[in-house]
């Protein structure tokens, strides 16, 4: 299936935060 975002900027932001969230979570575990 698909998810139609409300704008191109929203779709761009959605993608870039997916990996940012994972990066920050791994960073926490690395610091631990």
ModelCIF file with pLDDT and N, C-alpha, C, O atoms, coordinates in Angstrom:
data_MODEL
#
_entry.id   MODEL 
#
_entity.id                         1 
_entity.type                       polymer 
_entity.pdbx_number_of_molecules   1 
#
_entity_poly.entity_id                      1 
_entity_poly.type                           'polypeptide(L)' 
_entity_poly.nstd_linkage                   no 
_entity_poly.nstd_monomer                   no 
_entity_poly.pdbx_seq_one_letter_code       
;(UNK)(UNK)(UNK)(UNK)(UNK)(UNK)(UNK)(UNK)(UNK)(UNK)(UNK)(UNK)(UNK)(UNK)(UNK)(UNK)
(UNK)(UNK)(UNK)(UNK)(UNK)(UNK)(UNK)(UNK)(UNK)(UNK)(UNK)(UNK)(UNK)(UNK)(UNK)(UNK)
;
_entity_poly.pdbx_seq_one_letter_code_can   XXXXXXXXXXXXXXXXXXXXXXXXXXXXXXXX 
_entity_poly.pdbx_strand_id                 A 
#
loop_
_entity_poly_seq.entity_id 
_entity_poly_seq.num 
_entity_poly_seq.mon_id 
_entity_poly_seq.hetero 
1 1  UNK n 
1 2  UNK n 
1 3  UNK n 
1 4  UNK n 
1 5  UNK n 
1 6  UNK n 
1 7  UNK n 
1 8  UNK n 
1 9  UNK n 
1 10 UNK n 
1 11 UNK n 
1 12 UNK n 
1 13 UNK n 
1 14 UNK n 
1 15 UNK n 
1 16 UNK n 
1 17 UNK n 
1 18 UNK n 
1 19 UNK n 
1 20 UNK n 
1 21 UNK n 
1 22 UNK n 
1 23 UNK n 
1 24 UNK n 
1 25 UNK n 
1 26 UNK n 
1 27 UNK n 
1 28 UNK n 
1 29 UNK n 
1 30 UNK n 
1 31 UNK n 
1 32 UNK n 
#
_struct_asym.id          A 
_struct_asym.entity_id   1 
#
loop_
_ma_qa_metric.id 
_ma_qa_metric.mode 
_ma_qa_metric.name 
_ma_qa_metric.software_group_id 
_ma_qa_metric.type 
1 global pLDDT . pLDDT 
2 local  pLDDT . pLDDT 
#
_ma_qa_metric_global.metric_id      1 
_ma_qa_metric_global.metric_value   96.16 
_ma_qa_metric_global.model_id       1 
_ma_qa_metric_global.ordinal_id     1 
#
loop_
_ma_qa_metric_local.label_asym_id 
_ma_qa_metric_local.label_comp_id 
_ma_qa_metric_local.label_seq_id 
_ma_qa_metric_local.metric_id 
_ma_qa_metric_local.metric_value 
_ma_qa_metric_local.model_id 
_ma_qa_metric_local.ordinal_id 
A UNK 1  2 95.00 1 1  
A UNK 2  2 97.00 1 2  
A UNK 3  2 97.00 1 3  
A UNK 4  2 98.00 1 4  
A UNK 5  2 97.00 1 5  
A UNK 6  2 97.00 1 6  
A UNK 7  2 97.00 1 7  
A UNK 8  2 98.00 1 8  
A UNK 9  2 97.00 1 9  
A UNK 10 2 98.00 1 10 
A UNK 11 2 97.00 1 11 
A UNK 12 2 97.00 1 12 
A UNK 13 2 96.00 1 13 
A UNK 14 2 96.00 1 14 
A UNK 15 2 95.00 1 15 
A UNK 16 2 94.00 1 16 
A UNK 17 2 95.00 1 17 
A UNK 18 2 93.00 1 18 
A UNK 19 2 92.00 1 19 
A UNK 20 2 95.00 1 20 
A UNK 21 2 95.00 1 21 
A UNK 22 2 94.00 1 22 
A UNK 23 2 96.00 1 23 
A UNK 24 2 97.00 1 24 
A UNK 25 2 96.00 1 25 
A UNK 26 2 96.00 1 26 
A UNK 27 2 97.00 1 27 
A UNK 28 2 97.00 1 28 
A UNK 29 2 97.00 1 29 
A UNK 30 2 97.00 1 30 
A UNK 31 2 97.00 1 31 
A UNK 32 2 97.00 1 32 
#
loop_
_atom_site.group_PDB 
_atom_site.id 
_atom_site.type_symbol 
_atom_site.label_atom_id 
_atom_site.label_alt_id 
_atom_site.label_comp_id 
_atom_site.label_asym_id 
_atom_site.label_entity_id 
_atom_site.label_seq_id 
_atom_site.pdbx_PDB_ins_code 
_atom_site.Cartn_x 
_atom_site.Cartn_y 
_atom_site.Cartn_z 
_atom_site.occupancy 
_atom_site.B_iso_or_equiv 
_atom_site.pdbx_formal_charge 
_atom_site.auth_seq_id 
_atom_site.auth_comp_id 
_atom_site.auth_asym_id 
_atom_site.auth_atom_id 
_atom_site.pdbx_PDB_model_num 
ATOM 1   N N  . UNK A 1 1  ? 0.805  -1.212 0.000  1.00 95.00 ? 1  UNK A N  1 
ATOM 2   C CA . UNK A 1 1  ? 0.000  0.000  0.000  1.00 95.00 ? 1  UNK A CA 1 
ATOM 3   C C  . UNK A 1 1  ? 0.840  1.265  0.000  1.00 95.00 ? 1  UNK A C  1 
ATOM 4   O O  . UNK A 1 1  ? 2.067  1.208  0.076  1.00 95.00 ? 1  UNK A O  1 
ATOM 5   N N  . UNK A 1 2  ? 0.181  2.391  -0.085 1.00 97.00 ? 2  UNK A N  1 
ATOM 6   C CA . UNK A 1 2  ? 0.854  3.685  -0.140 1.00 97.00 ? 2  UNK A CA 1 
ATOM 7   C C  . UNK A 1 2  ? 0.279  4.642  0.896  1.00 97.00 ? 2  UNK A C  1 
ATOM 8   O O  . UNK A 1 2  ? -0.817 4.435  1.417  1.00 97.00 ? 2  UNK A O  1 
ATOM 9   N N  . UNK A 1 3  ? 1.040  5.689  1.181  1.00 97.00 ? 3  UNK A N  1 
ATOM 10  C CA . UNK A 1 3  ? 0.580  6.778  2.041  1.00 97.00 ? 3  UNK A CA 1 
ATOM 11  C C  . UNK A 1 3  ? 0.822  8.081  1.306  1.00 97.00 ? 3  UNK A C  1 
ATOM 12  O O  . UNK A 1 3  ? 1.973  8.455  1.079  1.00 97.00 ? 3  UNK A O  1 
ATOM 13  N N  . UNK A 1 4  ? -0.233 8.775  0.931  1.00 98.00 ? 4  UNK A N  1 
ATOM 14  C CA . UNK A 1 4  ? -0.106 10.025 0.179  1.00 98.00 ? 4  UNK A CA 1 
ATOM 15  C C  . UNK A 1 4  ? 0.095  11.178 1.158  1.00 98.00 ? 4  UNK A C  1 
ATOM 16  O O  . UNK A 1 4  ? -0.820 11.571 1.881  1.00 98.00 ? 4  UNK A O  1 
ATOM 17  N N  . UNK A 1 5  ? 1.314  11.706 1.160  1.00 97.00 ? 5  UNK A N  1 
ATOM 18  C CA . UNK A 1 5  ? 1.648  12.822 2.038  1.00 97.00 ? 5  UNK A CA 1 
ATOM 19  C C  . UNK A 1 5  ? 1.017  14.109 1.524  1.00 97.00 ? 5  UNK A C  1 
ATOM 20  O O  . UNK A 1 5  ? 0.665  14.219 0.350  1.00 97.00 ? 5  UNK A O  1 
ATOM 21  N N  . UNK A 1 6  ? 0.881  15.072 2.414  1.00 97.00 ? 6  UNK A N  1 
ATOM 22  C CA . UNK A 1 6  ? 0.177  16.309 2.064  1.00 97.00 ? 6  UNK A CA 1 
ATOM 23  C C  . UNK A 1 6  ? 1.001  17.235 1.176  1.00 97.00 ? 6  UNK A C  1 
ATOM 24  O O  . UNK A 1 6  ? 0.443  18.125 0.534  1.00 97.00 ? 6  UNK A O  1 
ATOM 25  N N  . UNK A 1 7  ? 2.304  17.045 1.128  1.00 97.00 ? 7  UNK A N  1 
ATOM 26  C CA . UNK A 1 7  ? 3.160  17.877 0.278  1.00 97.00 ? 7  UNK A CA 1 
ATOM 27  C C  . UNK A 1 7  ? 4.481  17.163 0.047  1.00 97.00 ? 7  UNK A C  1 
ATOM 28  O O  . UNK A 1 7  ? 4.801  16.187 0.725  1.00 97.00 ? 7  UNK A O  1 
ATOM 29  N N  . UNK A 1 8  ? 5.241  17.661 -0.914 1.00 98.00 ? 8  UNK A N  1 
ATOM 30  C CA . UNK A 1 8  ? 6.570  17.117 -1.181 1.00 98.00 ? 8  UNK A CA 1 
ATOM 31  C C  . UNK A 1 8  ? 7.481  17.317 0.030  1.00 98.00 ? 8  UNK A C  1 
ATOM 32  O O  . UNK A 1 8  ? 8.242  16.415 0.382  1.00 98.00 ? 8  UNK A O  1 
ATOM 33  N N  . UNK A 1 9  ? 7.414  18.474 0.665  1.00 97.00 ? 9  UNK A N  1 
ATOM 34  C CA . UNK A 1 9  ? 8.253  18.743 1.833  1.00 97.00 ? 9  UNK A CA 1 
ATOM 35  C C  . UNK A 1 9  ? 7.974  17.763 2.965  1.00 97.00 ? 9  UNK A C  1 
ATOM 36  O O  . UNK A 1 9  ? 8.900  17.312 3.640  1.00 97.00 ? 9  UNK A O  1 
ATOM 37  N N  . UNK A 1 10 ? 6.703  17.433 3.175  1.00 98.00 ? 10 UNK A N  1 
ATOM 38  C CA . UNK A 1 10 ? 6.329  16.477 4.220  1.00 98.00 ? 10 UNK A CA 1 
ATOM 39  C C  . UNK A 1 10 ? 6.928  15.104 3.917  1.00 98.00 ? 10 UNK A C  1 
ATOM 40  O O  . UNK A 1 10 ? 7.451  14.439 4.811  1.00 98.00 ? 10 UNK A O  1 
ATOM 41  N N  . UNK A 1 11 ? 6.849  14.685 2.659  1.00 97.00 ? 11 UNK A N  1 
ATOM 42  C CA . UNK A 1 11 ? 7.408  13.393 2.261  1.00 97.00 ? 11 UNK A CA 1 
ATOM 43  C C  . UNK A 1 11 ? 8.929  13.385 2.422  1.00 97.00 ? 11 UNK A C  1 
ATOM 44  O O  . UNK A 1 11 ? 9.498  12.389 2.869  1.00 97.00 ? 11 UNK A O  1 
ATOM 45  N N  . UNK A 1 12 ? 9.587  14.482 2.064  1.00 97.00 ? 12 UNK A N  1 
ATOM 46  C CA . UNK A 1 12 ? 11.039 14.584 2.241  1.00 97.00 ? 12 UNK A CA 1 
ATOM 47  C C  . UNK A 1 12 ? 11.411 14.494 3.718  1.00 97.00 ? 12 UNK A C  1 
ATOM 48  O O  . UNK A 1 12 ? 12.358 13.801 4.090  1.00 97.00 ? 12 UNK A O  1 
ATOM 49  N N  . UNK A 1 13 ? 10.650 15.206 4.557  1.00 96.00 ? 13 UNK A N  1 
ATOM 50  C CA . UNK A 1 13 ? 10.927 15.212 5.991  1.00 96.00 ? 13 UNK A CA 1 
ATOM 51  C C  . UNK A 1 13 ? 10.687 13.837 6.605  1.00 96.00 ? 13 UNK A C  1 
ATOM 52  O O  . UNK A 1 13 ? 11.452 13.397 7.463  1.00 96.00 ? 13 UNK A O  1 
ATOM 53  N N  . UNK A 1 14 ? 9.630  13.161 6.169  1.00 96.00 ? 14 UNK A N  1 
ATOM 54  C CA . UNK A 1 14 ? 9.305  11.837 6.699  1.00 96.00 ? 14 UNK A CA 1 
ATOM 55  C C  . UNK A 1 14 ? 10.455 10.869 6.477  1.00 96.00 ? 14 UNK A C  1 
ATOM 56  O O  . UNK A 1 14 ? 10.809 10.094 7.366  1.00 96.00 ? 14 UNK A O  1 
ATOM 57  N N  . UNK A 1 15 ? 11.028 10.920 5.296  1.00 95.00 ? 15 UNK A N  1 
ATOM 58  C CA . UNK A 1 15 ? 12.140 10.021 4.989  1.00 95.00 ? 15 UNK A CA 1 
ATOM 59  C C  . UNK A 1 15 ? 13.357 10.327 5.837  1.00 95.00 ? 15 UNK A C  1 
ATOM 60  O O  . UNK A 1 15 ? 13.960 9.420  6.411  1.00 95.00 ? 15 UNK A O  1 
ATOM 61  N N  . UNK A 1 16 ? 13.720 11.583 5.921  1.00 94.00 ? 16 UNK A N  1 
ATOM 62  C CA . UNK A 1 16 ? 14.974 11.922 6.581  1.00 94.00 ? 16 UNK A CA 1 
ATOM 63  C C  . UNK A 1 16 ? 14.892 11.676 8.090  1.00 94.00 ? 16 UNK A C  1 
ATOM 64  O O  . UNK A 1 16 ? 15.920 11.428 8.721  1.00 94.00 ? 16 UNK A O  1 
ATOM 65  N N  . UNK A 1 17 ? 13.697 11.739 8.682  1.00 95.00 ? 17 UNK A N  1 
ATOM 66  C CA . UNK A 1 17 ? 13.613 11.486 10.119 1.00 95.00 ? 17 UNK A CA 1 
ATOM 67  C C  . UNK A 1 17 ? 13.568 10.001 10.441 1.00 95.00 ? 17 UNK A C  1 
ATOM 68  O O  . UNK A 1 17 ? 13.878 9.614  11.567 1.00 95.00 ? 17 UNK A O  1 
ATOM 69  N N  . UNK A 1 18 ? 13.191 9.158  9.487  1.00 93.00 ? 18 UNK A N  1 
ATOM 70  C CA . UNK A 1 18 ? 13.202 7.715  9.732  1.00 93.00 ? 18 UNK A CA 1 
ATOM 71  C C  . UNK A 1 18 ? 14.586 7.263  10.183 1.00 93.00 ? 18 UNK A C  1 
ATOM 72  O O  . UNK A 1 18 ? 14.730 6.603  11.212 1.00 93.00 ? 18 UNK A O  1 
ATOM 73  N N  . UNK A 1 19 ? 15.584 7.620  9.417  1.00 92.00 ? 19 UNK A N  1 
ATOM 74  C CA . UNK A 1 19 ? 16.940 7.205  9.744  1.00 92.00 ? 19 UNK A CA 1 
ATOM 75  C C  . UNK A 1 19 ? 17.566 8.043  10.852 1.00 92.00 ? 19 UNK A C  1 
ATOM 76  O O  . UNK A 1 19 ? 18.440 7.564  11.574 1.00 92.00 ? 19 UNK A O  1 
ATOM 77  N N  . UNK A 1 20 ? 17.124 9.295  10.991 1.00 95.00 ? 20 UNK A N  1 
ATOM 78  C CA . UNK A 1 20 ? 17.602 10.119 12.095 1.00 95.00 ? 20 UNK A CA 1 
ATOM 79  C C  . UNK A 1 20 ? 17.162 9.526  13.429 1.00 95.00 ? 20 UNK A C  1 
ATOM 80  O O  . UNK A 1 20 ? 17.943 9.473  14.378 1.00 95.00 ? 20 UNK A O  1 
ATOM 81  N N  . UNK A 1 21 ? 15.926 9.088  13.497 1.00 95.00 ? 21 UNK A N  1 
ATOM 82  C CA . UNK A 1 21 ? 15.425 8.464  14.721 1.00 95.00 ? 21 UNK A CA 1 
ATOM 83  C C  . UNK A 1 21 ? 16.233 7.218  15.071 1.00 95.00 ? 21 UNK A C  1 
ATOM 84  O O  . UNK A 1 21 ? 16.614 7.029  16.226 1.00 95.00 ? 21 UNK A O  1 
ATOM 85  N N  . UNK A 1 22 ? 16.496 6.368  14.077 1.00 94.00 ? 22 UNK A N  1 
ATOM 86  C CA . UNK A 1 22 ? 17.263 5.158  14.315 1.00 94.00 ? 22 UNK A CA 1 
ATOM 87  C C  . UNK A 1 22 ? 18.701 5.495  14.740 1.00 94.00 ? 22 UNK A C  1 
ATOM 88  O O  . UNK A 1 22 ? 19.266 4.853  15.625 1.00 94.00 ? 22 UNK A O  1 
ATOM 89  N N  . UNK A 1 23 ? 19.267 6.499  14.101 1.00 96.00 ? 23 UNK A N  1 
ATOM 90  C CA . UNK A 1 23 ? 20.632 6.925  14.410 1.00 96.00 ? 23 UNK A CA 1 
ATOM 91  C C  . UNK A 1 23 ? 20.748 7.374  15.861 1.00 96.00 ? 23 UNK A C  1 
ATOM 92  O O  . UNK A 1 23 ? 21.683 6.987  16.561 1.00 96.00 ? 23 UNK A O  1 
ATOM 93  N N  . UNK A 1 24 ? 19.806 8.185  16.310 1.00 97.00 ? 24 UNK A N  1 
ATOM 94  C CA . UNK A 1 24 ? 19.823 8.699  17.683 1.00 97.00 ? 24 UNK A CA 1 
ATOM 95  C C  . UNK A 1 24 ? 19.650 7.561  18.684 1.00 97.00 ? 24 UNK A C  1 
ATOM 96  O O  . UNK A 1 24 ? 20.312 7.540  19.722 1.00 97.00 ? 24 UNK A O  1 
ATOM 97  N N  . UNK A 1 25 ? 18.763 6.616  18.377 1.00 96.00 ? 25 UNK A N  1 
ATOM 98  C CA . UNK A 1 25 ? 18.554 5.478  19.267 1.00 96.00 ? 25 UNK A CA 1 
ATOM 99  C C  . UNK A 1 25 ? 19.809 4.613  19.392 1.00 96.00 ? 25 UNK A C  1 
ATOM 100 O O  . UNK A 1 25 ? 20.160 4.176  20.488 1.00 96.00 ? 25 UNK A O  1 
ATOM 101 N N  . UNK A 1 26 ? 20.480 4.370  18.268 1.00 96.00 ? 26 UNK A N  1 
ATOM 102 C CA . UNK A 1 26 ? 21.716 3.591  18.308 1.00 96.00 ? 26 UNK A CA 1 
ATOM 103 C C  . UNK A 1 26 ? 22.798 4.364  19.057 1.00 96.00 ? 26 UNK A C  1 
ATOM 104 O O  . UNK A 1 26 ? 23.587 3.774  19.795 1.00 96.00 ? 26 UNK A O  1 
ATOM 105 N N  . UNK A 1 27 ? 22.834 5.679  18.869 1.00 97.00 ? 27 UNK A N  1 
ATOM 106 C CA . UNK A 1 27 ? 23.814 6.511  19.573 1.00 97.00 ? 27 UNK A CA 1 
ATOM 107 C C  . UNK A 1 27 ? 23.639 6.389  21.086 1.00 97.00 ? 27 UNK A C  1 
ATOM 108 O O  . UNK A 1 27 ? 24.623 6.332  21.824 1.00 97.00 ? 27 UNK A O  1 
ATOM 109 N N  . UNK A 1 28 ? 22.398 6.351  21.544 1.00 97.00 ? 28 UNK A N  1 
ATOM 110 C CA . UNK A 1 28 ? 22.139 6.182  22.975 1.00 97.00 ? 28 UNK A CA 1 
ATOM 111 C C  . UNK A 1 28 ? 22.726 4.859  23.474 1.00 97.00 ? 28 UNK A C  1 
ATOM 112 O O  . UNK A 1 28 ? 23.388 4.818  24.511 1.00 97.00 ? 28 UNK A O  1 
ATOM 113 N N  . UNK A 1 29 ? 22.481 3.791  22.737 1.00 97.00 ? 29 UNK A N  1 
ATOM 114 C CA . UNK A 1 29 ? 23.003 2.483  23.136 1.00 97.00 ? 29 UNK A CA 1 
ATOM 115 C C  . UNK A 1 29 ? 24.528 2.463  23.059 1.00 97.00 ? 29 UNK A C  1 
ATOM 116 O O  . UNK A 1 29 ? 25.184 1.861  23.909 1.00 97.00 ? 29 UNK A O  1 
ATOM 117 N N  . UNK A 1 30 ? 25.090 3.113  22.050 1.00 97.00 ? 30 UNK A N  1 
ATOM 118 C CA . UNK A 1 30 ? 26.547 3.207  21.963 1.00 97.00 ? 30 UNK A CA 1 
ATOM 119 C C  . UNK A 1 30 ? 27.124 3.955  23.164 1.00 97.00 ? 30 UNK A C  1 
ATOM 120 O O  . UNK A 1 30 ? 28.149 3.561  23.721 1.00 97.00 ? 30 UNK A O  1 
ATOM 121 N N  . UNK A 1 31 ? 26.460 5.028  23.550 1.00 97.00 ? 31 UNK A N  1 
ATOM 122 C CA . UNK A 1 31 ? 26.946 5.770  24.710 1.00 97.00 ? 31 UNK A CA 1 
ATOM 123 C C  . UNK A 1 31 ? 26.825 4.932  25.979 1.00 97.00 ? 31 UNK A C  1 
ATOM 124 O O  . UNK A 1 31 ? 27.707 4.963  26.838 1.00 97.00 ? 31 UNK A O  1 
ATOM 125 N N  . UNK A 1 32 ? 25.736 4.191  26.092 1.00 97.00 ? 32 UNK A N  1 
ATOM 126 C CA . UNK A 1 32 ? 25.583 3.301  27.244 1.00 97.00 ? 32 UNK A CA 1 
ATOM 127 C C  . UNK A 1 32 ? 26.698 2.261  27.269 1.00 97.00 ? 32 UNK A C  1 
ATOM 128 O O  . UNK A 1 32 ? 26.739 1.420  28.168 1.00 97.00 ? 32 UNK A O  1 
#
